[in-house]
C-alpha cells in the first residue's frame, strides 16, 4: 500500500535526501519548504513540492500517513537576546503547527528531526547516548528539546524524535537559510580546488552518516515491532577522528595536503545509541564508500 509522506524542510540537505529516499521506496512524497532552489527541484522530480512560509498560513499542508518535521530556523537574524528569544518561539510555534496538522489530518506517525546540537561538549562521558542528559542552552538546542518533549508526550498518534549527528553526502551546498556545510564537504572543496585541507581539532571524534541512508534507516526504525516512544539516535555510529577523516579524503584526491588549524576549542563528542542496535537496524554505508560515491557523482556531473 502506498503511503503518503509529508516532509517539512524538504528543500534542505537532509530533508531533500529523505524525500528522495521515501520516493524511491514507492511512497507518495510531499516536501514543504520556504523555497526550493533549481538544483533541488531537479533532484526531487516526482515529489510534490509545497513552497511557502509554514508559519504564515499561506500554504495548506496535505494529509499524510507519515509526517516528518525537519523545518527549523537555525540562526537568529541578529546576534542579541531578543532575536534569540524570537528564534526559539518561532521554532516551537513551527513544530506545534506541523504536529497539530499531523493529528488533525489523521497521520499514523509523526517524526521530529532533532540534532546532536542538543548536547553541550561537556555532556556525557566520551560519547552522547539517548540516556545522556542534554544541556546545550542555545535557542536552537532549546527548540529541539521542546520538540522532543512534545513528541514524547504525544498520545494521539505514534510520535518519535530522531537525533541526527554529522551528515554528509551528494548535493550538499550552502543555501540562504543554512550557509554552513559539513567539514567533509568543506575539506572536499579545499582538496578539489588545490587548497590545503585545514583541519581544526584533529583529535576530535565525530560520528558520520551518509545522507542517502537516512530514509531507509528511518523506515526500518518505523517498522520495528516494539512500540516506539521517545528519542532515538539515528546514526551510523561510525566514529572517526578529524585528522583520520581528512587523511581519507586526501588519499582520494591526488596532490591534496593537510594543514592543522585551530586546536584550542572544546572538542565535540560522537553519538551512539543505548536504545538501538544500530548495526542491526540498517546496513550503513561506510565512509570510504560514501566518499567515493560523492566524487564519482561529481565527476559525472
C-alpha atoms as a PDB file:
ATOM      1  CA  UNK A   1       0.000   0.000   0.000  1.00  0.00           C
ATOM      2  CA  UNK A   2       1.393   3.395  -0.996  1.00  0.00           C
ATOM      3  CA  UNK A   3       1.984   5.695   1.958  1.00  0.00           C
ATOM      4  CA  UNK A   4       1.649   9.460   1.885  1.00  0.00           C
ATOM      5  CA  UNK A   5       4.747  11.042   3.422  1.00  0.00           C
ATOM      6  CA  UNK A   6       4.952  14.763   4.256  1.00  0.00           C
ATOM      7  CA  UNK A   7       8.423  16.195   4.925  1.00  0.00           C
ATOM      8  CA  UNK A   8       8.837  19.755   6.178  1.00  0.00           C
ATOM      9  CA  UNK A   9      12.215  21.300   5.479  1.00  0.00           C
ATOM     10  CA  UNK A  10      12.212  19.241   2.299  1.00  0.00           C
ATOM     11  CA  UNK A  11      14.319  21.778   0.415  1.00  0.00           C
ATOM     12  CA  UNK A  12      17.307  21.361   2.703  1.00  0.00           C
ATOM     13  CA  UNK A  13      20.132  18.877   2.530  1.00  0.00           C
ATOM     14  CA  UNK A  14      18.703  16.337   4.974  1.00  0.00           C
ATOM     15  CA  UNK A  15      15.062  16.912   4.006  1.00  0.00           C
ATOM     16  CA  UNK A  16      15.685  16.518   0.290  1.00  0.00           C
ATOM     17  CA  UNK A  17      17.563  13.262   0.815  1.00  0.00           C
ATOM     18  CA  UNK A  18      14.690  11.986   2.949  1.00  0.00           C
ATOM     19  CA  UNK A  19      12.257  12.970   0.195  1.00  0.00           C
ATOM     20  CA  UNK A  20      14.343  11.164  -2.432  1.00  0.00           C
ATOM     21  CA  UNK A  21      14.636   8.108  -0.231  1.00  0.00           C
ATOM     22  CA  UNK A  22      10.956   7.730   0.567  1.00  0.00           C
ATOM     23  CA  UNK A  23      10.101   8.361  -3.080  1.00  0.00           C
ATOM     24  CA  UNK A  24      12.468   5.515  -4.024  1.00  0.00           C
ATOM     25  CA  UNK A  25      10.610   3.299  -1.541  1.00  0.00           C
ATOM     26  CA  UNK A  26       7.443   3.839  -3.610  1.00  0.00           C
ATOM     27  CA  UNK A  27       5.746   6.356  -1.330  1.00  0.00           C
ATOM     28  CA  UNK A  28       3.823   9.450  -2.432  1.00  0.00           C
ATOM     29  CA  UNK A  29       6.040  12.210  -1.053  1.00  0.00           C
ATOM     30  CA  UNK A  30       5.174  15.847  -0.324  1.00  0.00           C
ATOM     31  CA  UNK A  31       8.066  18.185   0.506  1.00  0.00           C
ATOM     32  CA  UNK A  32       7.333  21.573   2.081  1.00  0.00           C
ATOM     33  CA  UNK A  33       9.825  24.406   2.469  1.00  0.00           C
ATOM     34  CA  UNK A  34      10.163  28.167   2.214  1.00  0.00           C
ATOM     35  CA  UNK A  35      11.820  27.745  -1.167  1.00  0.00           C
ATOM     36  CA  UNK A  36      13.406  25.119  -3.404  1.00  0.00           C
ATOM     37  CA  UNK A  37      16.437  26.048  -5.485  1.00  0.00           C
ATOM     38  CA  UNK A  38      16.700  24.905  -9.078  1.00  0.00           C
ATOM     39  CA  UNK A  39      19.096  22.027  -8.389  1.00  0.00           C
ATOM     40  CA  UNK A  40      16.902  20.654  -5.601  1.00  0.00           C
ATOM     41  CA  UNK A  41      13.788  20.908  -7.759  1.00  0.00           C
ATOM     42  CA  UNK A  42      15.515  18.820 -10.399  1.00  0.00           C
ATOM     43  CA  UNK A  43      16.609  16.199  -7.859  1.00  0.00           C
ATOM     44  CA  UNK A  44      13.096  15.975  -6.434  1.00  0.00           C
ATOM     45  CA  UNK A  45      11.357  15.240  -9.731  1.00  0.00           C
ATOM     46  CA  UNK A  46       8.275  13.195  -8.911  1.00  0.00           C
ATOM     47  CA  UNK A  47       7.955  14.684  -5.422  1.00  0.00           C
ATOM     48  CA  UNK A  48       5.101  17.144  -4.818  1.00  0.00           C
ATOM     49  CA  UNK A  49       6.755  20.407  -3.763  1.00  0.00           C
ATOM     50  CA  UNK A  50       4.936  22.849  -1.479  1.00  0.00           C
ATOM     51  CA  UNK A  51       6.627  26.240  -1.323  1.00  0.00           C
ATOM     52  CA  UNK A  52       5.880  29.000   1.161  1.00  0.00           C
ATOM     53  CA  UNK A  53       6.142  30.112   4.771  1.00  0.00           C
ATOM     54  CA  UNK A  54       4.808  27.397   7.061  1.00  0.00           C
ATOM     55  CA  UNK A  55       4.032  29.785   9.913  1.00  0.00           C
ATOM     56  CA  UNK A  56       2.245  32.384   7.800  1.00  0.00           C
ATOM     57  CA  UNK A  57      -0.686  30.165   6.899  1.00  0.00           C
ATOM     58  CA  UNK A  58      -0.120  30.912   3.219  1.00  0.00           C
ATOM     59  CA  UNK A  59       0.254  27.228   2.339  1.00  0.00           C
ATOM     60  CA  UNK A  60      -2.003  24.269   3.001  1.00  0.00           C
ATOM     61  CA  UNK A  61      -0.343  21.053   4.066  1.00  0.00           C
ATOM     62  CA  UNK A  62      -1.742  17.802   2.658  1.00  0.00           C
ATOM     63  CA  UNK A  63      -2.874  14.907   4.792  1.00  0.00           C
ATOM     64  CA  UNK A  64      -0.264  12.200   5.181  1.00  0.00           C
ATOM     65  CA  UNK A  65       0.271   8.839   6.838  1.00  0.00           C
ATOM     66  CA  UNK A  66       3.745   9.881   7.996  1.00  0.00           C
ATOM     67  CA  UNK A  67       4.693  13.454   8.877  1.00  0.00           C
ATOM     68  CA  UNK A  68       8.436  14.139   9.198  1.00  0.00           C
ATOM     69  CA  UNK A  69       9.123  17.570  10.646  1.00  0.00           C
ATOM     70  CA  UNK A  70      12.567  18.894   9.797  1.00  0.00           C
ATOM     71  CA  UNK A  71      11.873  22.565   9.078  1.00  0.00           C
ATOM     72  CA  UNK A  72      13.668  24.864  11.501  1.00  0.00           C
ATOM     73  CA  UNK A  73      15.190  28.319  11.761  1.00  0.00           C
ATOM     74  CA  UNK A  74      18.803  27.624  12.676  1.00  0.00           C
ATOM     75  CA  UNK A  75      20.271  31.046  13.461  1.00  0.00           C
ATOM     76  CA  UNK A  76      18.773  34.308  14.771  1.00  0.00           C
ATOM     77  CA  UNK A  77      18.588  37.268  12.396  1.00  0.00           C
ATOM     78  CA  UNK A  78      20.508  39.442  14.873  1.00  0.00           C
ATOM     79  CA  UNK A  79      23.023  38.412  17.483  1.00  0.00           C
ATOM     80  CA  UNK A  80      21.113  39.599  20.542  1.00  0.00           C
ATOM     81  CA  UNK A  81      18.914  38.100  23.250  1.00  0.00           C
ATOM     82  CA  UNK A  82      15.660  39.416  21.788  1.00  0.00           C
ATOM     83  CA  UNK A  83      16.288  37.826  18.404  1.00  0.00           C
ATOM     84  CA  UNK A  84      17.306  34.565  20.086  1.00  0.00           C
ATOM     85  CA  UNK A  85      14.031  34.524  22.001  1.00  0.00           C
ATOM     86  CA  UNK A  86      12.153  35.103  18.752  1.00  0.00           C
ATOM     87  CA  UNK A  87      14.032  32.218  17.117  1.00  0.00           C
ATOM     88  CA  UNK A  88      13.121  29.904  19.987  1.00  0.00           C
ATOM     89  CA  UNK A  89       9.452  30.888  19.967  1.00  0.00           C
ATOM     90  CA  UNK A  90       9.231  30.686  16.163  1.00  0.00           C
ATOM     91  CA  UNK A  91      10.700  27.177  16.086  1.00  0.00           C
ATOM     92  CA  UNK A  92       8.375  25.995  18.840  1.00  0.00           C
ATOM     93  CA  UNK A  93       5.382  27.513  17.019  1.00  0.00           C
ATOM     94  CA  UNK A  94       6.512  25.839  13.799  1.00  0.00           C
ATOM     95  CA  UNK A  95       6.718  22.439  15.463  1.00  0.00           C
ATOM     96  CA  UNK A  96       3.340  22.910  17.128  1.00  0.00           C
ATOM     97  CA  UNK A  97       1.714  23.829  13.823  1.00  0.00           C
ATOM     98  CA  UNK A  98       3.076  20.783  11.987  1.00  0.00           C
ATOM     99  CA  UNK A  99       2.342  18.475  14.929  1.00  0.00           C
ATOM    100  CA  UNK A 100      -1.259  19.700  15.132  1.00  0.00           C
ATOM    101  CA  UNK A 101      -1.626  19.204  11.378  1.00  0.00           C
ATOM    102  CA  UNK A 102      -0.397  15.621  11.724  1.00  0.00           C
ATOM    103  CA  UNK A 103      -3.021  14.922  14.392  1.00  0.00           C
ATOM    104  CA  UNK A 104      -5.872  16.723  12.639  1.00  0.00           C
ATOM    105  CA  UNK A 105      -5.180  15.070   9.282  1.00  0.00           C
ATOM    106  CA  UNK A 106      -5.123  11.569  10.741  1.00  0.00           C
ATOM    107  CA  UNK A 107      -1.430  10.767  10.369  1.00  0.00           C
ATOM    108  CA  UNK A 108      -0.307   7.494  11.923  1.00  0.00           C
ATOM    109  CA  UNK A 109       3.285   8.549  12.558  1.00  0.00           C
ATOM    110  CA  UNK A 110       4.969  11.824  13.469  1.00  0.00           C
ATOM    111  CA  UNK A 111       8.757  12.069  13.327  1.00  0.00           C
ATOM    112  CA  UNK A 112      10.523  15.081  14.798  1.00  0.00           C
ATOM    113  CA  UNK A 113      14.033  15.612  13.441  1.00  0.00           C
ATOM    114  CA  UNK A 114      16.290  16.658  16.277  1.00  0.00           C
ATOM    115  CA  UNK A 115      20.036  17.058  16.438  1.00  0.00           C
ATOM    116  CA  UNK A 116      23.189  16.270  18.374  1.00  0.00           C
ATOM    117  CA  UNK A 117      23.183  20.046  18.879  1.00  0.00           C
ATOM    118  CA  UNK A 118      21.021  19.485  21.971  1.00  0.00           C
ATOM    119  CA  UNK A 119      24.208  18.393  23.748  1.00  0.00           C
ATOM    120  CA  UNK A 120      26.933  20.601  25.129  1.00  0.00           C
ATOM    121  CA  UNK A 121      30.519  19.426  24.782  1.00  0.00           C
ATOM    122  CA  UNK A 122      30.616  18.559  28.486  1.00  0.00           C
ATOM    123  CA  UNK A 123      27.592  16.225  28.384  1.00  0.00           C
ATOM    124  CA  UNK A 124      28.254  12.509  28.617  1.00  0.00           C
ATOM    125  CA  UNK A 125      31.399  10.502  29.188  1.00  0.00           C
ATOM    126  CA  UNK A 126      33.171  10.483  25.834  1.00  0.00           C
ATOM    127  CA  UNK A 127      30.009   9.777  23.821  1.00  0.00           C
ATOM    128  CA  UNK A 128      26.442  11.101  23.615  1.00  0.00           C
ATOM    129  CA  UNK A 129      23.764   8.443  24.196  1.00  0.00           C
ATOM    130  CA  UNK A 130      19.982   8.736  24.426  1.00  0.00           C
ATOM    131  CA  UNK A 131      20.404   8.393  28.197  1.00  0.00           C
ATOM    132  CA  UNK A 132      22.822  11.355  28.287  1.00  0.00           C
ATOM    133  CA  UNK A 133      21.108  14.437  29.692  1.00  0.00           C
ATOM    134  CA  UNK A 134      21.448  17.267  27.110  1.00  0.00           C
ATOM    135  CA  UNK A 135      22.291  20.727  28.475  1.00  0.00           C
ATOM    136  CA  UNK A 136      23.119  22.960  25.479  1.00  0.00           C
ATOM    137  CA  UNK A 137      21.422  26.323  26.030  1.00  0.00           C
ATOM    138  CA  UNK A 138      21.438  27.938  22.578  1.00  0.00           C
ATOM    139  CA  UNK A 139      17.929  28.750  21.255  1.00  0.00           C
ATOM    140  CA  UNK A 140      18.268  26.091  18.534  1.00  0.00           C
ATOM    141  CA  UNK A 141      19.074  23.439  21.146  1.00  0.00           C
ATOM    142  CA  UNK A 142      16.196  24.539  23.377  1.00  0.00           C
ATOM    143  CA  UNK A 143      13.784  24.403  20.438  1.00  0.00           C
ATOM    144  CA  UNK A 144      14.938  20.900  19.537  1.00  0.00           C
ATOM    145  CA  UNK A 145      14.472  19.714  23.112  1.00  0.00           C
ATOM    146  CA  UNK A 146      10.993  21.280  23.190  1.00  0.00           C
ATOM    147  CA  UNK A 147      10.118  19.326  20.023  1.00  0.00           C
ATOM    148  CA  UNK A 148      11.467  16.128  21.559  1.00  0.00           C
ATOM    149  CA  UNK A 149       9.335  16.702  24.666  1.00  0.00           C
ATOM    150  CA  UNK A 150       6.209  17.275  22.572  1.00  0.00           C
ATOM    151  CA  UNK A 151       6.773  14.076  20.608  1.00  0.00           C
ATOM    152  CA  UNK A 152       7.431  12.053  23.766  1.00  0.00           C
ATOM    153  CA  UNK A 153       4.236  13.360  25.404  1.00  0.00           C
ATOM    154  CA  UNK A 154       2.025  12.679  22.363  1.00  0.00           C
ATOM    155  CA  UNK A 155      -0.838  10.234  22.798  1.00  0.00           C
ATOM    156  CA  UNK A 156      -2.927  10.976  19.687  1.00  0.00           C
ATOM    157  CA  UNK A 157      -0.542   9.173  17.290  1.00  0.00           C
ATOM    158  CA  UNK A 158       2.781   7.379  17.277  1.00  0.00           C
ATOM    159  CA  UNK A 159       5.454  10.049  17.654  1.00  0.00           C
ATOM    160  CA  UNK A 160       9.221   9.762  17.936  1.00  0.00           C
ATOM    161  CA  UNK A 161      12.224  12.038  17.727  1.00  0.00           C
ATOM    162  CA  UNK A 162      15.374  11.157  15.829  1.00  0.00           C
ATOM    163  CA  UNK A 163      18.618  12.896  16.694  1.00  0.00           C
ATOM    164  CA  UNK A 164      20.993  13.259  13.777  1.00  0.00           C
ATOM    165  CA  UNK A 165      24.720  13.784  14.079  1.00  0.00           C
ATOM    166  CA  UNK A 166      27.009  14.958  11.270  1.00  0.00           C
ATOM    167  CA  UNK A 167      25.549  14.129   7.841  1.00  0.00           C
ATOM    168  CA  UNK A 168      27.437  14.050   4.548  1.00  0.00           C
ATOM    169  CA  UNK A 169      26.595  13.037   1.017  1.00  0.00           C
ATOM    170  CA  UNK A 170      25.980  14.149  -2.568  1.00  0.00           C
ATOM    171  CA  UNK A 171      24.450  17.509  -3.425  1.00  0.00           C
ATOM    172  CA  UNK A 172      25.494  19.310  -0.260  1.00  0.00           C
ATOM    173  CA  UNK A 173      25.798  23.041  -0.874  1.00  0.00           C
ATOM    174  CA  UNK A 174      25.151  26.284   1.029  1.00  0.00           C
ATOM    175  CA  UNK A 175      21.669  27.746   0.856  1.00  0.00           C
ATOM    176  CA  UNK A 176      20.195  31.028   2.075  1.00  0.00           C
ATOM    177  CA  UNK A 177      18.735  29.507   5.225  1.00  0.00           C
ATOM    178  CA  UNK A 178      21.847  27.445   6.066  1.00  0.00           C
ATOM    179  CA  UNK A 179      25.146  28.711   4.711  1.00  0.00           C
ATOM    180  CA  UNK A 180      27.328  26.261   6.673  1.00  0.00           C
ATOM    181  CA  UNK A 181      28.359  22.963   5.081  1.00  0.00           C
ATOM    182  CA  UNK A 182      29.804  19.896   6.785  1.00  0.00           C
ATOM    183  CA  UNK A 183      33.557  19.542   7.331  1.00  0.00           C
ATOM    184  CA  UNK A 184      33.551  16.704   4.789  1.00  0.00           C
ATOM    185  CA  UNK A 185      32.094  18.979   2.107  1.00  0.00           C
ATOM    186  CA  UNK A 186      34.419  21.813   3.093  1.00  0.00           C
ATOM    187  CA  UNK A 187      37.500  19.569   3.004  1.00  0.00           C
ATOM    188  CA  UNK A 188      36.478  18.068  -0.322  1.00  0.00           C
ATOM    189  CA  UNK A 189      36.082  21.574  -1.755  1.00  0.00           C
ATOM    190  CA  UNK A 190      39.536  22.519  -0.473  1.00  0.00           C
ATOM    191  CA  UNK A 191      41.199  19.403  -1.859  1.00  0.00           C
ATOM    192  CA  UNK A 192      39.484  19.605  -5.250  1.00  0.00           C
ATOM    193  CA  UNK A 193      40.414  23.279  -5.659  1.00  0.00           C
ATOM    194  CA  UNK A 194      44.071  22.658  -4.808  1.00  0.00           C
ATOM    195  CA  UNK A 195      43.893  24.384  -1.420  1.00  0.00           C
ATOM    196  CA  UNK A 196      45.247  22.680   1.700  1.00  0.00           C
ATOM    197  CA  UNK A 197      42.721  20.804   3.841  1.00  0.00           C
ATOM    198  CA  UNK A 198      42.609  22.820   7.063  1.00  0.00           C
ATOM    199  CA  UNK A 199      41.745  20.503   9.953  1.00  0.00           C
ATOM    200  CA  UNK A 200      40.623  22.038  13.223  1.00  0.00           C
ATOM    201  CA  UNK A 201      40.682  19.888  16.354  1.00  0.00           C
ATOM    202  CA  UNK A 202      42.462  16.933  14.706  1.00  0.00           C
ATOM    203  CA  UNK A 203      41.840  14.519  17.593  1.00  0.00           C
ATOM    204  CA  UNK A 204      38.124  15.300  17.853  1.00  0.00           C
ATOM    205  CA  UNK A 205      35.974  12.246  17.022  1.00  0.00           C
ATOM    206  CA  UNK A 206      32.561  12.535  15.332  1.00  0.00           C
ATOM    207  CA  UNK A 207      30.057  10.011  14.024  1.00  0.00           C
ATOM    208  CA  UNK A 208      29.239  10.362  10.303  1.00  0.00           C
ATOM    209  CA  UNK A 209      26.117   9.228   8.451  1.00  0.00           C
ATOM    210  CA  UNK A 210      25.661   9.090   4.670  1.00  0.00           C
ATOM    211  CA  UNK A 211      22.604  11.183   3.755  1.00  0.00           C
ATOM    212  CA  UNK A 212      21.078   8.657   1.291  1.00  0.00           C
ATOM    213  CA  UNK A 213      20.941   6.132   4.169  1.00  0.00           C
ATOM    214  CA  UNK A 214      18.581   8.240   6.266  1.00  0.00           C
ATOM    215  CA  UNK A 215      15.229   7.388   4.675  1.00  0.00           C
ATOM    216  CA  UNK A 216      15.904   3.653   4.623  1.00  0.00           C
ATOM    217  CA  UNK A 217      17.183   3.653   8.201  1.00  0.00           C
ATOM    218  CA  UNK A 218      14.164   5.683   9.385  1.00  0.00           C
ATOM    219  CA  UNK A 219      11.825   3.350   7.508  1.00  0.00           C
ATOM    220  CA  UNK A 220      13.472   0.392   9.258  1.00  0.00           C
ATOM    221  CA  UNK A 221      13.016   2.156  12.604  1.00  0.00           C
ATOM    222  CA  UNK A 222       9.318   2.793  11.930  1.00  0.00           C
ATOM    223  CA  UNK A 223       8.839  -0.872  11.015  1.00  0.00           C
ATOM    224  CA  UNK A 224      10.257  -2.190  14.277  1.00  0.00           C
ATOM    225  CA  UNK A 225       7.663  -4.226  16.132  1.00  0.00           C
ATOM    226  CA  UNK A 226       8.040  -2.881  19.644  1.00  0.00           C
ATOM    227  CA  UNK A 227       6.102   0.308  20.466  1.00  0.00           C
ATOM    228  CA  UNK A 228       8.273   3.330  19.816  1.00  0.00           C
ATOM    229  CA  UNK A 229       8.330   6.270  22.159  1.00  0.00           C
ATOM    230  CA  UNK A 230      10.843   8.977  22.914  1.00  0.00           C
ATOM    231  CA  UNK A 231      14.190   9.798  21.358  1.00  0.00           C
ATOM    232  CA  UNK A 232      16.380   7.641  19.140  1.00  0.00           C
ATOM    233  CA  UNK A 233      19.851   8.375  17.814  1.00  0.00           C
ATOM    234  CA  UNK A 234      19.720   7.676  14.084  1.00  0.00           C
ATOM    235  CA  UNK A 235      23.386   7.465  13.210  1.00  0.00           C
ATOM    236  CA  UNK A 236      25.743   5.016  11.576  1.00  0.00           C
ATOM    237  CA  UNK A 237      27.876   5.493  14.734  1.00  0.00           C
ATOM    238  CA  UNK A 238      30.970   5.351  12.508  1.00  0.00           C
ATOM    239  CA  UNK A 239      33.186   7.448  14.743  1.00  0.00           C
ATOM    240  CA  UNK A 240      36.452   8.792  13.357  1.00  0.00           C
ATOM    241  CA  UNK A 241      38.991  11.436  14.376  1.00  0.00           C
ATOM    242  CA  UNK A 242      39.007  14.571  12.237  1.00  0.00           C
ATOM    243  CA  UNK A 243      42.620  14.016  11.188  1.00  0.00           C
ATOM    244  CA  UNK A 244      41.944  10.443  10.074  1.00  0.00           C
ATOM    245  CA  UNK A 245      38.898  11.566   8.081  1.00  0.00           C
ATOM    246  CA  UNK A 246      40.940  14.330   6.433  1.00  0.00           C
ATOM    247  CA  UNK A 247      43.636  11.789   5.510  1.00  0.00           C
ATOM    248  CA  UNK A 248      40.964   9.560   3.996  1.00  0.00           C
ATOM    249  CA  UNK A 249      39.827  12.464   1.818  1.00  0.00           C
ATOM    250  CA  UNK A 250      43.396  13.406   0.913  1.00  0.00           C
ATOM    251  CA  UNK A 251      44.068   9.849  -0.245  1.00  0.00           C
ATOM    252  CA  UNK A 252      41.184  10.167  -2.722  1.00  0.00           C
ATOM    253  CA  UNK A 253      42.294  13.494  -4.256  1.00  0.00           C
ATOM    254  CA  UNK A 254      45.737  13.460  -5.894  1.00  0.00           C
ATOM    255  CA  UNK A 255      48.037  16.183  -4.580  1.00  0.00           C
ATOM    256  CA  UNK A 256      45.841  17.028  -1.579  1.00  0.00           C
ATOM    257  CA  UNK A 257      47.687  18.168   1.520  1.00  0.00           C
ATOM    258  CA  UNK A 258      46.659  18.729   5.124  1.00  0.00           C
ATOM    259  CA  UNK A 259      47.311  21.670   7.441  1.00  0.00           C
ATOM    260  CA  UNK A 260      46.382  21.666  11.130  1.00  0.00           C
ATOM    261  CA  UNK A 261      44.232  24.633  12.130  1.00  0.00           C
ATOM    262  CA  UNK A 262      42.607  25.528  15.466  1.00  0.00           C
ATOM    263  CA  UNK A 263      43.416  23.146  18.315  1.00  0.00           C
ATOM    264  CA  UNK A 264      42.124  25.224  21.231  1.00  0.00           C
ATOM    265  CA  UNK A 265      38.327  24.917  21.265  1.00  0.00           C
ATOM    266  CA  UNK A 266      36.401  22.295  23.246  1.00  0.00           C
ATOM    267  CA  UNK A 267      36.038  19.005  21.402  1.00  0.00           C
ATOM    268  CA  UNK A 268      32.563  17.846  20.455  1.00  0.00           C
ATOM    269  CA  UNK A 269      31.662  14.215  21.053  1.00  0.00           C
ATOM    270  CA  UNK A 270      30.254  11.485  18.794  1.00  0.00           C
ATOM    271  CA  UNK A 271      26.788   9.983  19.189  1.00  0.00           C
ATOM    272  CA  UNK A 272      25.950   6.324  19.694  1.00  0.00           C
ATOM    273  CA  UNK A 273      22.857   4.535  20.989  1.00  0.00           C
ATOM    274  CA  UNK A 274      21.900   2.686  24.133  1.00  0.00           C
ATOM    275  CA  UNK A 275      18.337   2.145  22.839  1.00  0.00           C
ATOM    276  CA  UNK A 276      19.041   0.563  19.445  1.00  0.00           C
ATOM    277  CA  UNK A 277      21.391  -1.971  17.938  1.00  0.00           C
ATOM    278  CA  UNK A 278      22.331   0.416  15.152  1.00  0.00           C
ATOM    279  CA  UNK A 279      24.374  -2.124  13.220  1.00  0.00           C
ATOM    280  CA  UNK A 280      21.360  -4.459  13.071  1.00  0.00           C
ATOM    281  CA  UNK A 281      18.892  -1.691  12.194  1.00  0.00           C
ATOM    282  CA  UNK A 282      20.406  -0.918   8.803  1.00  0.00           C
ATOM    283  CA  UNK A 283      23.461  -1.718   6.688  1.00  0.00           C
ATOM    284  CA  UNK A 284      25.030   1.728   6.824  1.00  0.00           C
ATOM    285  CA  UNK A 285      27.254   2.996   4.017  1.00  0.00           C
ATOM    286  CA  UNK A 286      30.895   3.059   5.121  1.00  0.00           C
ATOM    287  CA  UNK A 287      32.835   6.305   4.976  1.00  0.00           C
ATOM    288  CA  UNK A 288      35.223   5.174   2.199  1.00  0.00           C
ATOM    289  CA  UNK A 289      32.262   4.039   0.084  1.00  0.00           C
ATOM    290  CA  UNK A 290      30.292   7.225   0.731  1.00  0.00           C
ATOM    291  CA  UNK A 291      33.220   9.485  -0.144  1.00  0.00           C
ATOM    292  CA  UNK A 292      33.885   7.521  -3.323  1.00  0.00           C
ATOM    293  CA  UNK A 293      30.226   7.867  -4.341  1.00  0.00           C
ATOM    294  CA  UNK A 294      30.333  11.634  -3.869  1.00  0.00           C
ATOM    295  CA  UNK A 295      33.445  12.005  -6.003  1.00  0.00           C
ATOM    296  CA  UNK A 296      32.081   9.639  -8.651  1.00  0.00           C
ATOM    297  CA  UNK A 297      28.804  11.594  -8.866  1.00  0.00           C
ATOM    298  CA  UNK A 298      30.658  14.895  -9.167  1.00  0.00           C
ATOM    299  CA  UNK A 299      32.968  13.519 -11.837  1.00  0.00           C
ATOM    300  CA  UNK A 300      29.922  12.597 -13.931  1.00  0.00           C
ATOM    301  CA  UNK A 301      28.243  15.986 -13.456  1.00  0.00           C
END
